[in-house]
Amino acid sequence: MKKKILWKDAWQAITGSLGRFVAIFMLMMVAVFTFIGLKMTGPDMRSTAVDSFKNNNLADITVVSNYGLNSKDKQKIENQSGVKKVEYSYLQDSTVNDSKKSLRVYSESKKISKVELTKGHMPKNRNCQIFCVNRFFS
């Protein structure tokens, strides 16, 4: 069999059932794009996470306690191997004026896990209570 006949037969198969050819071609395109997307998503997500960790100096480990940490607990944390920086802060869960809305208020971090403000503004009064923060989360 000559190649000329092979190409003629292939062309007749494509033109004879154009809809089937287009459908199979589209399925192959979707499969290729899905494969490419899945291969690229992992590295992109990792690089985004690494950039976010570096830019905001996020903590590697966060220790949370119901009743706070005493000096013995703090000493144990600071004496762990590999600990370079330690920062202690507070958080408070609260509801908004007899509604079903709730919010979590964090104390401001100076060195580790810096806050990134995306909308609104930070409280201007240093003695600001929880009611000053409510308007940022509504």
C-alpha atoms as a PDB file:
ATOM      1  CA  MET A   1       0.000   0.000   0.000  1.00  0.00           C
ATOM      2  CA  LYS A   2       1.304   3.412  -0.959  1.00  0.00           C
ATOM      3  CA  LYS A   3       1.290   6.398   1.391  1.00  0.00           C
ATOM      4  CA  LYS A   4      -0.846   8.301  -1.116  1.00  0.00           C
ATOM      5  CA  ILE A   5      -3.693   5.856  -0.616  1.00  0.00           C
ATOM      6  CA  LEU A   6      -3.265   5.989   3.197  1.00  0.00           C
ATOM      7  CA  TRP A   7      -3.566   9.807   3.232  1.00  0.00           C
ATOM      8  CA  LYS A   8      -6.553   9.690   0.866  1.00  0.00           C
ATOM      9  CA  ASP A   9      -8.303   7.159   3.112  1.00  0.00           C
ATOM     10  CA  ALA A  10      -7.578   9.221   6.239  1.00  0.00           C
ATOM     11  CA  TRP A  11      -8.902  12.394   4.581  1.00  0.00           C
ATOM     12  CA  GLN A  12     -12.083  10.606   3.483  1.00  0.00           C
ATOM     13  CA  ALA A  13     -12.602   9.294   7.046  1.00  0.00           C
ATOM     14  CA  ILE A  14     -12.266  12.832   8.437  1.00  0.00           C
ATOM     15  CA  THR A  15     -14.518  14.519   5.872  1.00  0.00           C
ATOM     16  CA  GLY A  16     -17.046  11.666   5.938  1.00  0.00           C
ATOM     17  CA  SER A  17     -17.674  12.070   9.678  1.00  0.00           C
ATOM     18  CA  LEU A  18     -16.587  15.631  10.470  1.00  0.00           C
ATOM     19  CA  GLY A  19     -18.689  15.823  13.654  1.00  0.00           C
ATOM     20  CA  ARG A  20     -17.035  12.741  15.143  1.00  0.00           C
ATOM     21  CA  PHE A  21     -13.566  14.068  14.233  1.00  0.00           C
ATOM     22  CA  VAL A  22     -14.253  17.462  15.835  1.00  0.00           C
ATOM     23  CA  ALA A  23     -15.686  15.804  18.979  1.00  0.00           C
ATOM     24  CA  ILE A  24     -12.655  13.535  19.388  1.00  0.00           C
ATOM     25  CA  PHE A  25     -10.296  16.436  18.720  1.00  0.00           C
ATOM     26  CA  MET A  26     -12.057  18.596  21.342  1.00  0.00           C
ATOM     27  CA  LEU A  27     -11.870  15.778  23.905  1.00  0.00           C
ATOM     28  CA  MET A  28      -8.160  15.460  23.260  1.00  0.00           C
ATOM     29  CA  MET A  29      -7.742  19.245  23.705  1.00  0.00           C
ATOM     30  CA  VAL A  30      -9.660  19.202  26.997  1.00  0.00           C
ATOM     31  CA  ALA A  31      -7.520  16.301  28.248  1.00  0.00           C
ATOM     32  CA  VAL A  32      -4.288  18.077  27.292  1.00  0.00           C
ATOM     33  CA  PHE A  33      -5.373  21.372  28.894  1.00  0.00           C
ATOM     34  CA  THR A  34      -6.456  19.536  32.049  1.00  0.00           C
ATOM     35  CA  PHE A  35      -3.125  17.731  32.249  1.00  0.00           C
ATOM     36  CA  ILE A  36      -1.193  20.977  31.752  1.00  0.00           C
ATOM     37  CA  GLY A  37      -3.340  22.755  34.351  1.00  0.00           C
ATOM     38  CA  LEU A  38      -2.828  20.021  36.921  1.00  0.00           C
ATOM     39  CA  LYS A  39       0.916  19.916  36.300  1.00  0.00           C
ATOM     40  CA  MET A  40       1.248  23.704  36.734  1.00  0.00           C
ATOM     41  CA  THR A  41      -1.143  24.223  39.655  1.00  0.00           C
ATOM     42  CA  GLY A  42       1.078  22.552  42.280  1.00  0.00           C
ATOM     43  CA  PRO A  43       4.258  24.556  41.609  1.00  0.00           C
ATOM     44  CA  ASP A  44       2.285  27.809  41.257  1.00  0.00           C
ATOM     45  CA  MET A  45       0.492  27.253  44.560  1.00  0.00           C
ATOM     46  CA  ARG A  46       3.775  26.392  46.296  1.00  0.00           C
ATOM     47  CA  SER A  47       5.509  29.528  44.997  1.00  0.00           C
ATOM     48  CA  THR A  48       2.506  31.680  46.011  1.00  0.00           C
ATOM     49  CA  ALA A  49       2.555  30.198  49.516  1.00  0.00           C
ATOM     50  CA  VAL A  50       6.315  30.700  49.874  1.00  0.00           C
ATOM     51  CA  ASP A  51       6.011  34.332  48.728  1.00  0.00           C
ATOM     52  CA  SER A  52       3.154  34.938  51.177  1.00  0.00           C
ATOM     53  CA  PHE A  53       5.110  33.361  54.051  1.00  0.00           C
ATOM     54  CA  LYS A  54       8.148  35.508  53.278  1.00  0.00           C
ATOM     55  CA  ASN A  55       6.275  38.800  52.714  1.00  0.00           C
ATOM     56  CA  ASN A  56       4.169  38.551  55.883  1.00  0.00           C
ATOM     57  CA  ASN A  57       6.815  36.751  57.979  1.00  0.00           C
ATOM     58  CA  LEU A  58       4.246  34.092  58.922  1.00  0.00           C
ATOM     59  CA  ALA A  59       4.858  31.916  61.943  1.00  0.00           C
ATOM     60  CA  ASP A  60       6.013  28.351  61.408  1.00  0.00           C
ATOM     61  CA  ILE A  61       4.151  27.176  64.512  1.00  0.00           C
ATOM     62  CA  THR A  62       1.323  28.792  66.465  1.00  0.00           C
ATOM     63  CA  VAL A  63       0.552  27.688  70.009  1.00  0.00           C
ATOM     64  CA  VAL A  64      -2.978  28.424  71.229  1.00  0.00           C
ATOM     65  CA  SER A  65      -4.181  28.046  74.804  1.00  0.00           C
ATOM     66  CA  ASN A  66      -7.630  28.381  76.395  1.00  0.00           C
ATOM     67  CA  TYR A  67      -6.355  29.999  79.557  1.00  0.00           C
ATOM     68  CA  GLY A  68      -3.145  31.657  78.408  1.00  0.00           C
ATOM     69  CA  LEU A  69       0.464  30.702  78.870  1.00  0.00           C
ATOM     70  CA  ASN A  70       2.354  31.068  82.115  1.00  0.00           C
ATOM     71  CA  SER A  71       6.070  31.809  82.416  1.00  0.00           C
ATOM     72  CA  LYS A  72       6.910  28.086  82.586  1.00  0.00           C
ATOM     73  CA  ASP A  73       5.101  27.472  79.273  1.00  0.00           C
ATOM     74  CA  LYS A  74       6.841  30.438  77.672  1.00  0.00           C
ATOM     75  CA  GLN A  75      10.227  29.198  78.843  1.00  0.00           C
ATOM     76  CA  LYS A  76       9.565  25.735  77.339  1.00  0.00           C
ATOM     77  CA  ILE A  77       8.615  27.277  74.007  1.00  0.00           C
ATOM     78  CA  GLU A  78      11.645  29.576  73.898  1.00  0.00           C
ATOM     79  CA  ASN A  79      14.051  26.748  74.818  1.00  0.00           C
ATOM     80  CA  GLN A  80      12.967  24.453  71.960  1.00  0.00           C
ATOM     81  CA  SER A  81      15.709  23.738  69.429  1.00  0.00           C
ATOM     82  CA  GLY A  82      15.445  25.728  66.212  1.00  0.00           C
ATOM     83  CA  VAL A  83      13.387  28.562  67.713  1.00  0.00           C
ATOM     84  CA  LYS A  84      14.705  31.898  66.443  1.00  0.00           C
ATOM     85  CA  LYS A  85      11.878  34.324  67.265  1.00  0.00           C
ATOM     86  CA  VAL A  86       8.950  34.103  69.653  1.00  0.00           C
ATOM     87  CA  GLU A  87       6.110  36.583  69.907  1.00  0.00           C
ATOM     88  CA  TYR A  88       3.141  36.366  72.270  1.00  0.00           C
ATOM     89  CA  SER A  89      -0.230  37.849  71.430  1.00  0.00           C
ATOM     90  CA  TYR A  90      -3.898  37.621  72.307  1.00  0.00           C
ATOM     91  CA  LEU A  91      -7.080  36.845  70.445  1.00  0.00           C
ATOM     92  CA  GLN A  92     -10.735  37.245  71.370  1.00  0.00           C
ATOM     93  CA  ASP A  93     -13.830  35.745  69.745  1.00  0.00           C
ATOM     94  CA  SER A  94     -16.869  37.958  69.966  1.00  0.00           C
ATOM     95  CA  THR A  95     -20.366  38.475  68.587  1.00  0.00           C
ATOM     96  CA  VAL A  96     -21.736  41.707  67.192  1.00  0.00           C
ATOM     97  CA  ASN A  97     -24.526  43.330  69.238  1.00  0.00           C
ATOM     98  CA  ASP A  98     -27.039  40.467  69.642  1.00  0.00           C
ATOM     99  CA  SER A  99     -26.688  39.292  66.046  1.00  0.00           C
ATOM    100  CA  LYS A 100     -25.465  36.086  64.465  1.00  0.00           C
ATOM    101  CA  LYS A 101     -22.335  37.818  63.159  1.00  0.00           C
ATOM    102  CA  SER A 102     -19.121  36.940  64.904  1.00  0.00           C
ATOM    103  CA  LEU A 103     -15.538  38.030  64.598  1.00  0.00           C
ATOM    104  CA  ARG A 104     -12.115  37.228  65.915  1.00  0.00           C
ATOM    105  CA  VAL A 105      -9.990  40.120  67.124  1.00  0.00           C
ATOM    106  CA  TYR A 106      -6.217  39.653  67.203  1.00  0.00           C
ATOM    107  CA  SER A 107      -3.658  41.763  68.985  1.00  0.00           C
ATOM    108  CA  GLU A 108      -1.295  43.514  66.596  1.00  0.00           C
ATOM    109  CA  SER A 109       1.869  41.579  65.798  1.00  0.00           C
ATOM    110  CA  LYS A 110       5.121  43.496  65.602  1.00  0.00           C
ATOM    111  CA  LYS A 111       7.533  40.913  64.172  1.00  0.00           C
ATOM    112  CA  ILE A 112       5.871  37.599  63.276  1.00  0.00           C
ATOM    113  CA  SER A 113       2.708  37.010  61.200  1.00  0.00           C
ATOM    114  CA  LYS A 114       2.176  40.608  60.214  1.00  0.00           C
ATOM    115  CA  VAL A 115      -1.375  41.628  59.342  1.00  0.00           C
ATOM    116  CA  GLU A 116      -2.120  42.612  55.759  1.00  0.00           C
ATOM    117  CA  LEU A 117      -4.985  45.090  55.561  1.00  0.00           C
ATOM    118  CA  THR A 118      -6.931  44.551  52.341  1.00  0.00           C
ATOM    119  CA  LYS A 119      -9.867  46.910  52.906  1.00  0.00           C
ATOM    120  CA  GLY A 120     -10.770  49.706  55.302  1.00  0.00           C
ATOM    121  CA  HIS A 121      -8.313  51.084  57.864  1.00  0.00           C
ATOM    122  CA  MET A 122      -6.753  50.101  61.143  1.00  0.00           C
ATOM    123  CA  PRO A 123      -8.167  51.524  64.396  1.00  0.00           C
ATOM    124  CA  LYS A 124      -6.689  54.957  65.090  1.00  0.00           C
ATOM    125  CA  ASN A 125      -7.286  54.996  68.865  1.00  0.00           C
ATOM    126  CA  ARG A 126      -4.860  52.816  70.846  1.00  0.00           C
ATOM    127  CA  ASN A 127      -7.519  52.349  73.572  1.00  0.00           C
ATOM    128  CA  CYS A 128     -10.078  51.156  71.020  1.00  0.00           C
ATOM    129  CA  GLN A 129     -12.346  48.399  72.285  1.00  0.00           C
ATOM    130  CA  ILE A 130     -13.987  45.630  70.270  1.00  0.00           C
ATOM    131  CA  PHE A 131     -16.838  47.884  69.094  1.00  0.00           C
ATOM    132  CA  CYS A 132     -14.340  49.904  67.022  1.00  0.00           C
ATOM    133  CA  VAL A 133     -13.344  46.830  65.075  1.00  0.00           C
ATOM    134  CA  ASN A 134     -16.910  45.645  64.324  1.00  0.00           C
ATOM    135  CA  ARG A 135     -17.379  47.961  61.353  1.00  0.00           C
ATOM    136  CA  PHE A 136     -14.438  46.397  59.502  1.00  0.00           C
ATOM    137  CA  PHE A 137     -16.065  42.939  59.467  1.00  0.00           C
ATOM    138  CA  SER A 138     -19.689  43.756  58.599  1.00  0.00           C
END
